[in-house]
Amino acid sequence: MNHSAPSPWIPDTPATTGENRTRIFRIFRIFADFFWKTPKIRVYPRSIFQSKRYIFPLFALFILLVGCSEATPTAAPTHTPPTPTTTLPPTALPTHTAAPTATPTLVETAVLPEEGTTAVLQAGQWSAMVYHAGLGQIVLVNGGPERGKPADEPLELWGWDGAVWTLLDNSGPVWRNWAGVAYDSRHDVLVVHGGLQPEQLFDETWEWDGQTWVMHDGRAPDGREGAGMVYDSARGKVVLYGGAVAGPEIVGDTWEWDGQTWTQVASSGPPARFPAGTGYDPVRQQVVVYGGHDVRTSEEIPFFGDFWAWDGVEWREISLTEPNPGIRVATSFVFDPASAQLFMFGGADLEAFRTDLWGWDGAQWTLLSEDTGMPPRSGFNIVAYDAAREVYVLFGGVDRPGGVVVDETWEWDGEFWVCAAGCDE
């Protein structure tokens, strides 16, 4: 698909200071056009009234999601990834399978705090959490603040044991936001692909086995941010869908990682989007995608409320009946083993940050709670299930449009949310 206008929510890379100013002017010009003209806003699967009364909620959501787009240029990171190659368009058939480098790059020495000192966790703007079964705890892949952080500082991995966050590793790639993150239980490794800094879009794939980082660089998938990425335990593959690539352009391709190679497995399916809620349903053995948005022109920014499932062969759109969550951006999908449902926590729509909880049982969406007591948050995979302790953990995210990331850790036992760390007394 040929996108005639760049997404106002994706930083151009690279950019000079002047280009950053131009970018911000362009972004606000786009939204000024929304105010002064009647835009063609399409919401899937249901349309909203094409009215200017939606401009202010949309603008608030824009402020939230573009908070990372303007940054002071910093020095290039010590490690510079390979230059991304041309991305296969969503309508093209796959032409190759990318092989890893002959000798993967190994990085082994973490620079952890000295004995008697304590590392301080400062939440990144767009981080991600997964449960690491090998370690028996939640692992946070922490991003950066987007402003003022040196580009060559390392990506930090933190572990949560229910009481404190502990720095697990900082010896691998440089820090990045919006990276695809998944835990491969078959190989017992954390997989990280892509992501970006204000002046750099990354295309490498990294694996961390609990001690050592290994970097795999290949031609596919290209560098991208905000892709949905989960582990399909039935097929033993990490599945990556969509995201934003160089250009910038939002895409809708699907890739699988088997621990050695990436293979593009689909070029059609859900319309291109970013950032979509993405999860894995082990009962029905499906990867699911819900919501997100695209940017097609300066006047056409579709927000999605549709639902798709990937079975390892093809994508299928799941017809929605009432009730259902409606439009969602930057929501968190987590499988609940007790009820055998996929839970959707919060996220943002065109009106507000939501604190509701929805469950998907394979046939129907159910509103389990309009307000779980969860603090209003919007972020990228900011909720994860701690299987060892049987609780849900929320960390980071922003609490209001245009807000800064919140350094709070909350836990939910299925009934009550309790602040476990970082909250004011």
Protein backbone atom coordinates (compact mmCIF):
# COMPACT_ATOMS: atom_id res chain seq x y z
CA MET A 1 0.00 0.00 0.00
CA ASN A 2 1.32 3.42 -0.94
CA HIS A 3 0.80 5.85 1.92
CA SER A 4 0.58 9.35 0.57
CA ALA A 5 1.36 11.01 3.93
CA PRO A 6 3.61 10.03 6.80
CA SER A 7 2.07 9.12 10.12
CA PRO A 8 2.02 12.12 12.45
CA TRP A 9 2.76 9.69 15.30
CA ILE A 10 5.96 8.20 13.94
CA PRO A 11 9.26 10.10 14.18
CA ASP A 12 11.13 10.45 10.90
CA THR A 13 14.62 8.88 11.05
CA PRO A 14 17.16 10.30 10.76
CA ALA A 15 16.37 13.99 11.22
CA THR A 16 18.21 17.19 11.93
CA THR A 17 17.01 19.77 14.43
CA GLY A 18 15.49 21.75 11.61
CA GLU A 19 13.79 18.68 10.23
CA ASN A 20 12.38 17.96 13.69
CA ARG A 21 10.84 21.44 13.74
CA THR A 22 9.47 20.87 10.25
CA ARG A 23 8.02 17.54 11.37
CA ILE A 24 6.24 19.11 14.34
CA PHE A 25 4.88 21.90 12.13
CA ARG A 26 3.60 19.26 9.69
CA ILE A 27 1.97 17.30 12.50
CA PHE A 28 0.07 20.29 13.82
CA ARG A 29 -0.80 21.35 10.27
CA ILE A 30 -2.40 17.94 9.75
CA PHE A 31 -4.52 18.35 12.85
CA ALA A 32 -5.32 21.95 11.98
CA ASP A 33 -6.72 20.57 8.73
CA PHE A 34 -8.85 18.25 10.83
CA PHE A 35 -10.30 21.25 12.67
CA TRP A 36 -10.97 23.53 9.71
CA LYS A 37 -12.22 20.88 7.30
CA THR A 38 -14.55 17.94 7.69
CA PRO A 39 -12.16 14.97 7.62
CA LYS A 40 -12.81 11.53 6.25
CA ILE A 41 -12.32 9.70 9.55
CA ARG A 42 -13.20 6.05 9.17
CA VAL A 43 -13.67 3.79 12.14
CA TYR A 44 -13.79 0.06 11.63
CA PRO A 45 -15.96 -1.92 11.83
CA ARG A 46 -18.39 0.81 12.87
CA SER A 47 -18.42 4.40 11.60
CA ILE A 48 -18.57 7.41 13.90
CA PHE A 49 -20.37 10.61 13.08
CA GLN A 50 -18.14 12.70 10.88
CA SER A 51 -18.36 15.70 13.14
CA LYS A 52 -15.94 18.28 14.49
CA ARG A 53 -16.92 17.31 18.03
CA TYR A 54 -14.53 14.37 17.66
CA ILE A 55 -11.60 16.61 16.90
CA PHE A 56 -10.69 17.39 20.49
CA PRO A 57 -10.70 13.78 21.72
CA LEU A 58 -8.68 12.83 18.66
CA PHE A 59 -6.27 15.68 19.28
CA ALA A 60 -5.86 14.57 22.91
CA LEU A 61 -5.07 11.04 21.77
CA PHE A 62 -2.63 12.50 19.25
CA ILE A 63 -0.81 14.45 21.98
CA LEU A 64 -0.41 11.24 23.98
CA LEU A 65 0.94 9.16 21.18
CA VAL A 66 3.26 11.74 19.62
CA GLY A 67 4.90 12.66 22.90
CA CYS A 68 7.98 10.88 21.65
CA SER A 69 8.20 12.52 18.23
CA GLU A 70 10.27 15.62 19.08
CA ALA A 71 13.64 15.06 20.68
CA THR A 72 16.99 16.73 20.89
CA PRO A 73 19.39 14.95 18.53
CA THR A 74 22.02 12.93 20.34
CA ALA A 75 25.17 11.18 19.30
CA ALA A 76 24.79 7.99 17.31
CA PRO A 77 24.90 4.75 19.32
CA THR A 78 28.14 2.85 19.53
CA HIS A 79 26.55 -0.06 17.74
CA THR A 80 24.98 0.93 14.42
CA PRO A 81 22.60 -1.71 13.01
CA PRO A 82 22.69 -2.63 9.33
CA THR A 83 20.89 -0.24 7.01
CA PRO A 84 17.30 -1.49 6.55
CA THR A 85 16.60 -2.90 3.11
CA THR A 86 13.51 -2.18 1.08
CA THR A 87 10.41 -3.40 2.88
CA LEU A 88 8.15 -5.82 1.06
CA PRO A 89 4.87 -3.96 0.56
CA PRO A 90 1.84 -5.52 2.26
CA THR A 91 0.47 -6.64 -1.11
CA ALA A 92 3.66 -8.37 -2.26
CA LEU A 93 4.30 -12.07 -1.91
CA PRO A 94 7.33 -13.13 0.13
CA THR A 95 10.39 -13.68 -2.03
CA HIS A 96 12.90 -14.97 0.48
CA THR A 97 13.58 -16.27 3.94
CA ALA A 98 16.20 -14.27 5.78
CA ALA A 99 19.01 -16.26 7.33
CA PRO A 100 20.84 -15.12 10.45
CA THR A 101 24.43 -14.04 10.25
CA ALA A 102 26.94 -16.87 10.00
CA THR A 103 28.42 -15.96 13.38
CA PRO A 104 25.84 -14.28 15.63
CA THR A 105 27.18 -11.46 17.74
CA LEU A 106 27.62 -12.50 21.38
CA VAL A 107 27.59 -9.99 24.22
CA GLU A 108 28.22 -11.41 27.66
CA THR A 109 29.31 -8.87 30.29
CA ALA A 110 26.60 -6.95 32.13
CA VAL A 111 27.52 -3.77 33.98
CA LEU A 112 25.40 -4.31 37.08
CA PRO A 113 25.46 -2.13 40.21
CA GLU A 114 28.38 -2.58 42.55
CA GLU A 115 27.76 -4.43 45.78
CA GLY A 116 26.07 -2.20 48.31
CA THR A 117 24.54 0.08 45.68
CA THR A 118 21.07 0.01 44.17
CA ALA A 119 20.09 0.62 40.56
CA VAL A 120 17.17 2.99 40.07
CA LEU A 121 14.41 2.07 37.62
CA GLN A 122 13.21 5.01 35.55
CA ALA A 123 10.34 3.97 33.32
CA GLY A 124 10.86 4.37 29.58
CA GLN A 125 8.23 6.09 27.48
CA TRP A 126 7.28 2.95 25.53
CA SER A 127 8.45 -0.22 27.26
CA ALA A 128 7.12 -3.80 27.28
CA MET A 129 6.70 -6.57 29.84
CA VAL A 130 6.50 -10.37 29.50
CA TYR A 131 6.52 -13.28 31.92
CA HIS A 132 9.81 -15.21 31.74
CA ALA A 133 9.07 -18.81 32.81
CA GLY A 134 12.75 -19.69 33.04
CA LEU A 135 13.34 -16.96 35.61
CA GLY A 136 9.91 -17.31 37.19
CA GLN A 137 9.22 -13.58 37.14
CA ILE A 138 8.04 -10.62 35.09
CA VAL A 139 10.75 -9.08 32.89
CA LEU A 140 10.53 -5.45 31.83
CA VAL A 141 12.30 -4.42 28.62
CA ASN A 142 12.74 -0.79 29.53
CA GLY A 143 12.86 1.92 26.89
CA GLY A 144 14.01 5.50 27.24
CA PRO A 145 12.48 8.89 28.07
CA GLU A 146 12.92 10.06 24.45
CA ARG A 147 14.43 13.34 25.64
CA GLY A 148 17.97 13.74 26.87
CA LYS A 149 19.05 10.12 27.09
CA PRO A 150 22.37 9.43 25.31
CA ALA A 151 21.86 7.22 22.29
CA ASP A 152 24.66 4.82 23.26
CA GLU A 153 23.23 3.89 26.66
CA PRO A 154 22.21 0.23 26.95
CA LEU A 155 18.79 -1.36 26.96
CA GLU A 156 17.90 -2.40 30.51
CA LEU A 157 16.14 -5.59 31.57
CA TRP A 158 14.46 -5.49 34.98
CA GLY A 159 12.85 -8.30 36.97
CA TRP A 160 9.88 -7.97 39.37
CA ASP A 161 9.63 -10.46 42.25
CA GLY A 162 6.51 -9.00 43.83
CA ALA A 163 8.40 -6.65 46.12
CA VAL A 164 11.21 -4.88 44.25
CA TRP A 165 12.49 -4.32 40.74
CA THR A 166 16.01 -5.69 40.15
CA LEU A 167 18.29 -4.81 37.25
CA LEU A 168 18.90 -8.12 35.47
CA ASP A 169 21.02 -7.04 32.52
CA ASN A 170 22.31 -4.01 30.64
CA SER A 171 24.94 -5.60 28.40
CA GLY A 172 23.14 -6.01 25.09
CA PRO A 173 21.68 -3.60 22.52
CA VAL A 174 21.37 0.12 23.00
CA TRP A 175 18.09 1.33 24.46
CA ARG A 176 15.03 1.64 22.24
CA ASN A 177 11.29 2.26 22.43
CA TRP A 178 8.41 0.50 20.67
CA ALA A 179 10.42 -2.73 20.20
CA GLY A 180 8.67 -6.04 19.55
CA VAL A 181 9.15 -8.26 22.62
CA ALA A 182 8.22 -11.93 23.21
CA TYR A 183 9.33 -14.82 25.42
CA ASP A 184 10.15 -18.02 23.48
CA SER A 185 9.40 -20.77 26.03
CA ARG A 186 10.71 -23.59 23.82
CA HIS A 187 14.19 -22.06 23.65
CA ASP A 188 13.88 -20.24 27.00
CA VAL A 189 14.96 -16.91 25.49
CA LEU A 190 13.67 -13.37 25.41
CA VAL A 191 13.33 -12.12 21.81
CA VAL A 192 13.54 -8.41 20.94
CA HIS A 193 13.13 -7.06 17.42
CA GLY A 194 13.32 -3.53 16.03
CA GLY A 195 12.33 -0.42 17.96
CA LEU A 196 13.61 3.11 17.62
CA GLN A 197 15.33 6.08 19.15
CA PRO A 198 14.56 9.63 18.00
CA GLU A 199 17.28 9.45 15.34
CA GLN A 200 17.54 5.70 14.69
CA LEU A 201 15.23 2.90 13.52
CA PHE A 202 16.54 -0.58 14.38
CA ASP A 203 16.26 -3.75 12.31
CA GLU A 204 18.18 -6.33 14.36
CA THR A 205 16.78 -9.30 16.24
CA TRP A 206 18.24 -9.97 19.70
CA GLU A 207 17.88 -13.00 21.97
CA TRP A 208 18.69 -13.10 25.69
CA ASP A 209 19.03 -16.47 27.45
CA GLY A 210 19.19 -15.07 30.95
CA GLN A 211 22.92 -14.33 30.80
CA THR A 212 24.07 -13.71 27.23
CA TRP A 213 22.75 -11.55 24.39
CA VAL A 214 22.96 -12.83 20.81
CA MET A 215 22.30 -10.50 17.88
CA HIS A 216 20.89 -11.86 14.61
CA ASP A 217 20.82 -9.41 11.71
CA GLY A 218 19.11 -10.23 8.46
CA ARG A 219 17.17 -8.64 5.65
CA ALA A 220 13.74 -9.34 7.05
CA PRO A 221 11.68 -8.10 8.64
CA ASP A 222 12.90 -4.58 8.11
CA GLY A 223 13.44 -2.19 10.96
CA ARG A 224 10.15 -1.21 12.51
CA GLU A 225 8.48 0.13 15.61
CA GLY A 226 5.20 -0.71 17.28
CA ALA A 227 4.81 -4.14 15.70
CA GLY A 228 2.66 -6.69 17.51
CA MET A 229 4.88 -9.61 18.56
CA VAL A 230 3.92 -12.72 20.57
CA TYR A 231 5.06 -16.32 20.97
CA ASP A 232 2.89 -19.06 19.42
CA SER A 233 3.57 -22.00 21.76
CA ALA A 234 1.61 -24.51 19.67
CA ARG A 235 3.85 -23.99 16.66
CA GLY A 236 7.01 -22.91 18.46
CA LYS A 237 7.25 -19.64 16.52
CA VAL A 238 7.46 -15.96 17.42
CA VAL A 239 4.87 -14.14 15.30
CA LEU A 240 5.33 -10.49 14.30
CA TYR A 241 2.59 -8.43 12.67
CA GLY A 242 2.52 -4.90 11.25
CA GLY A 243 4.10 -1.79 12.73
CA ALA A 244 5.72 1.27 11.19
CA VAL A 245 8.78 1.02 8.92
CA ALA A 246 11.09 3.57 7.32
CA GLY A 247 9.42 6.21 5.22
CA PRO A 248 7.56 6.27 7.55
CA GLU A 249 4.93 3.78 6.41
CA ILE A 250 2.52 1.64 8.40
CA VAL A 251 2.43 -1.95 7.15
CA GLY A 252 0.35 -5.10 7.58
CA ASP A 253 2.74 -7.98 6.86
CA THR A 254 3.20 -11.10 9.03
CA TRP A 255 6.50 -12.83 9.90
CA GLU A 256 7.57 -15.85 11.94
CA TRP A 257 10.84 -16.43 13.81
CA ASP A 258 11.85 -20.04 14.58
CA GLY A 259 14.96 -19.20 16.58
CA GLN A 260 17.23 -19.11 13.54
CA THR A 261 15.44 -17.49 10.60
CA TRP A 262 12.66 -15.04 9.84
CA THR A 263 10.09 -16.03 7.21
CA GLN A 264 7.35 -13.83 5.82
CA VAL A 265 4.22 -15.96 6.02
CA ALA A 266 1.50 -13.52 4.94
CA SER A 267 1.19 -10.25 3.06
CA SER A 268 -2.57 -9.89 3.47
CA GLY A 269 -4.93 -10.01 6.40
CA PRO A 270 -5.78 -7.17 8.79
CA PRO A 271 -5.43 -3.72 7.25
CA ALA A 272 -2.09 -2.11 8.09
CA ARG A 273 -2.06 -0.66 11.60
CA PHE A 274 -0.04 0.49 14.59
CA PRO A 275 -0.08 -0.01 17.54
CA ALA A 276 -2.57 -2.87 17.70
CA GLY A 277 -3.42 -4.96 20.74
CA THR A 278 -1.76 -8.34 20.10
CA GLY A 279 -2.01 -11.52 22.16
CA TYR A 280 -1.83 -15.30 22.04
CA ASP A 281 -4.71 -17.63 22.92
CA PRO A 282 -3.21 -21.04 23.85
CA VAL A 283 -6.61 -22.71 24.20
CA ARG A 284 -7.66 -21.93 20.64
CA GLN A 285 -4.03 -21.79 19.45
CA GLN A 286 -4.41 -18.43 17.73
CA VAL A 287 -2.57 -15.13 17.58
CA VAL A 288 -5.12 -12.32 17.82
CA VAL A 289 -4.98 -8.66 16.81
CA TYR A 290 -7.43 -5.99 17.92
CA GLY A 291 -7.72 -2.29 17.12
CA GLY A 292 -4.91 0.14 16.37
CA HIS A 293 -4.82 2.85 13.72
CA ASP A 294 -3.45 3.68 10.29
CA VAL A 295 -2.60 6.97 8.58
CA ARG A 296 -3.52 6.99 4.90
CA THR A 297 -3.64 10.69 4.14
CA SER A 298 -3.68 13.87 6.19
CA GLU A 299 -7.48 13.68 6.15
CA GLU A 300 -7.99 9.95 6.54
CA ILE A 301 -6.78 8.39 9.79
CA PRO A 302 -8.71 5.15 10.38
CA PHE A 303 -9.05 3.98 13.97
CA PHE A 304 -9.93 0.31 14.23
CA GLY A 305 -12.29 -1.68 16.40
CA ASP A 306 -12.01 -4.94 14.46
CA PHE A 307 -10.72 -8.34 15.60
CA TRP A 308 -8.52 -10.83 13.72
CA ALA A 309 -7.07 -14.30 14.38
CA TRP A 310 -3.98 -16.00 12.89
CA ASP A 311 -3.89 -19.82 12.97
CA GLY A 312 -0.43 -20.25 11.44
CA VAL A 313 -1.83 -20.48 7.92
CA GLU A 314 -4.13 -17.54 7.32
CA TRP A 315 -5.77 -14.54 8.94
CA ARG A 316 -9.50 -14.62 9.64
CA GLU A 317 -11.59 -11.64 10.69
CA ILE A 318 -13.82 -12.48 13.64
CA SER A 319 -17.28 -10.95 13.30
CA LEU A 320 -18.15 -8.91 16.37
CA THR A 321 -21.51 -8.82 18.08
CA GLU A 322 -22.59 -6.52 20.88
CA PRO A 323 -21.15 -5.96 23.37
CA ASN A 324 -17.51 -5.52 22.34
CA PRO A 325 -14.67 -3.17 23.31
CA GLY A 326 -15.05 -0.86 20.31
CA ILE A 327 -12.13 1.30 19.17
CA ARG A 328 -8.89 0.68 21.08
CA VAL A 329 -5.31 1.88 20.69
CA ALA A 330 -2.34 0.81 22.85
CA THR A 331 -4.25 -1.77 24.87
CA SER A 332 -2.81 -4.80 26.70
CA PHE A 333 -3.86 -8.38 25.83
CA VAL A 334 -3.12 -11.07 28.44
CA PHE A 335 -4.32 -14.70 28.64
CA ASP A 336 -6.04 -15.62 31.90
CA PRO A 337 -5.45 -19.32 32.71
CA ALA A 338 -8.11 -19.49 35.43
CA SER A 339 -10.97 -18.54 33.09
CA ALA A 340 -9.32 -19.65 29.81
CA GLN A 341 -10.08 -16.22 28.39
CA LEU A 342 -8.04 -13.48 26.79
CA PHE A 343 -8.24 -10.35 28.93
CA MET A 344 -8.07 -6.87 27.43
CA PHE A 345 -6.97 -4.22 29.90
CA GLY A 346 -7.74 -0.55 29.29
CA GLY A 347 -6.13 1.35 26.45
CA ALA A 348 -7.41 4.49 24.74
CA ASP A 349 -10.32 5.24 22.44
CA LEU A 350 -11.40 8.55 20.87
CA GLU A 351 -12.79 9.84 24.15
CA ALA A 352 -10.69 8.73 27.11
CA PHE A 353 -8.22 6.32 28.69
CA ARG A 354 -10.24 3.28 29.71
CA THR A 355 -10.03 1.32 32.98
CA ASP A 356 -12.41 -1.45 31.94
CA LEU A 357 -11.72 -5.16 31.56
CA TRP A 358 -12.99 -7.31 28.70
CA GLY A 359 -12.78 -11.08 28.30
CA TRP A 360 -12.76 -13.12 25.06
CA ASP A 361 -13.75 -16.79 25.40
CA GLY A 362 -13.36 -17.73 21.74
CA ALA A 363 -16.95 -16.91 20.85
CA GLN A 364 -17.99 -13.70 22.56
CA TRP A 365 -16.62 -10.58 24.22
CA THR A 366 -17.86 -9.98 27.76
CA LEU A 367 -17.48 -6.78 29.73
CA LEU A 368 -16.16 -8.19 32.99
CA SER A 369 -15.86 -4.81 34.69
CA GLU A 370 -16.49 -1.24 33.66
CA ASP A 371 -13.96 -0.11 36.23
CA THR A 372 -11.61 -2.64 37.81
CA GLY A 373 -9.94 0.00 39.93
CA MET A 374 -7.02 -0.10 37.51
CA PRO A 375 -5.40 3.33 37.27
CA PRO A 376 -6.08 4.92 33.87
CA ARG A 377 -3.11 4.07 31.71
CA SER A 378 -2.26 3.80 28.06
CA GLY A 379 0.92 2.14 26.89
CA PHE A 380 2.48 -0.65 24.90
CA ASN A 381 2.20 -4.07 26.62
CA ILE A 382 2.24 -2.56 30.10
CA VAL A 383 0.29 -5.43 31.74
CA ALA A 384 1.61 -9.00 32.12
CA TYR A 385 0.49 -12.10 34.05
CA ASP A 386 2.89 -13.44 36.67
CA ALA A 387 2.19 -17.19 36.49
CA ALA A 388 4.38 -17.99 39.50
CA ARG A 389 2.45 -15.65 41.80
CA GLU A 390 -0.90 -15.74 39.92
CA VAL A 391 -1.29 -11.97 39.75
CA TYR A 392 -1.37 -9.36 37.00
CA VAL A 393 1.32 -6.69 37.03
CA LEU A 394 1.02 -3.20 35.53
CA PHE A 395 4.00 -0.89 35.18
CA GLY A 396 4.49 2.46 33.49
CA GLY A 397 2.33 3.93 30.78
CA VAL A 398 0.94 7.47 30.77
CA ASP A 399 -2.09 8.48 32.81
CA ARG A 400 -3.49 11.29 30.67
CA PRO A 401 -3.12 12.77 27.18
CA GLY A 402 0.18 14.58 26.97
CA GLY A 403 1.26 13.15 30.33
CA VAL A 404 4.63 11.73 31.24
CA VAL A 405 5.27 8.08 31.97
CA VAL A 406 4.29 6.98 35.49
CA ASP A 407 6.85 5.12 37.64
CA GLU A 408 4.27 3.03 39.46
CA THR A 409 3.83 -0.72 39.81
CA TRP A 410 0.34 -2.11 40.41
CA GLU A 411 -0.88 -5.67 40.97
CA TRP A 412 -4.33 -7.21 40.44
CA ASP A 413 -5.34 -10.52 42.01
CA GLY A 414 -8.57 -10.83 40.05
CA GLU A 415 -10.51 -8.66 42.46
CA PHE A 416 -8.49 -5.66 43.60
CA TRP A 417 -5.73 -3.47 42.15
CA VAL A 418 -3.10 -2.59 44.74
CA CYS A 419 -0.15 -0.24 44.26
CA ALA A 420 2.94 -2.33 45.02
CA ALA A 421 5.70 0.22 44.38
CA GLY A 422 6.29 3.83 43.39
CA CYS A 423 3.06 5.37 44.63
CA ASP A 424 2.89 8.35 46.97
CA GLU A 425 2.01 7.43 50.51
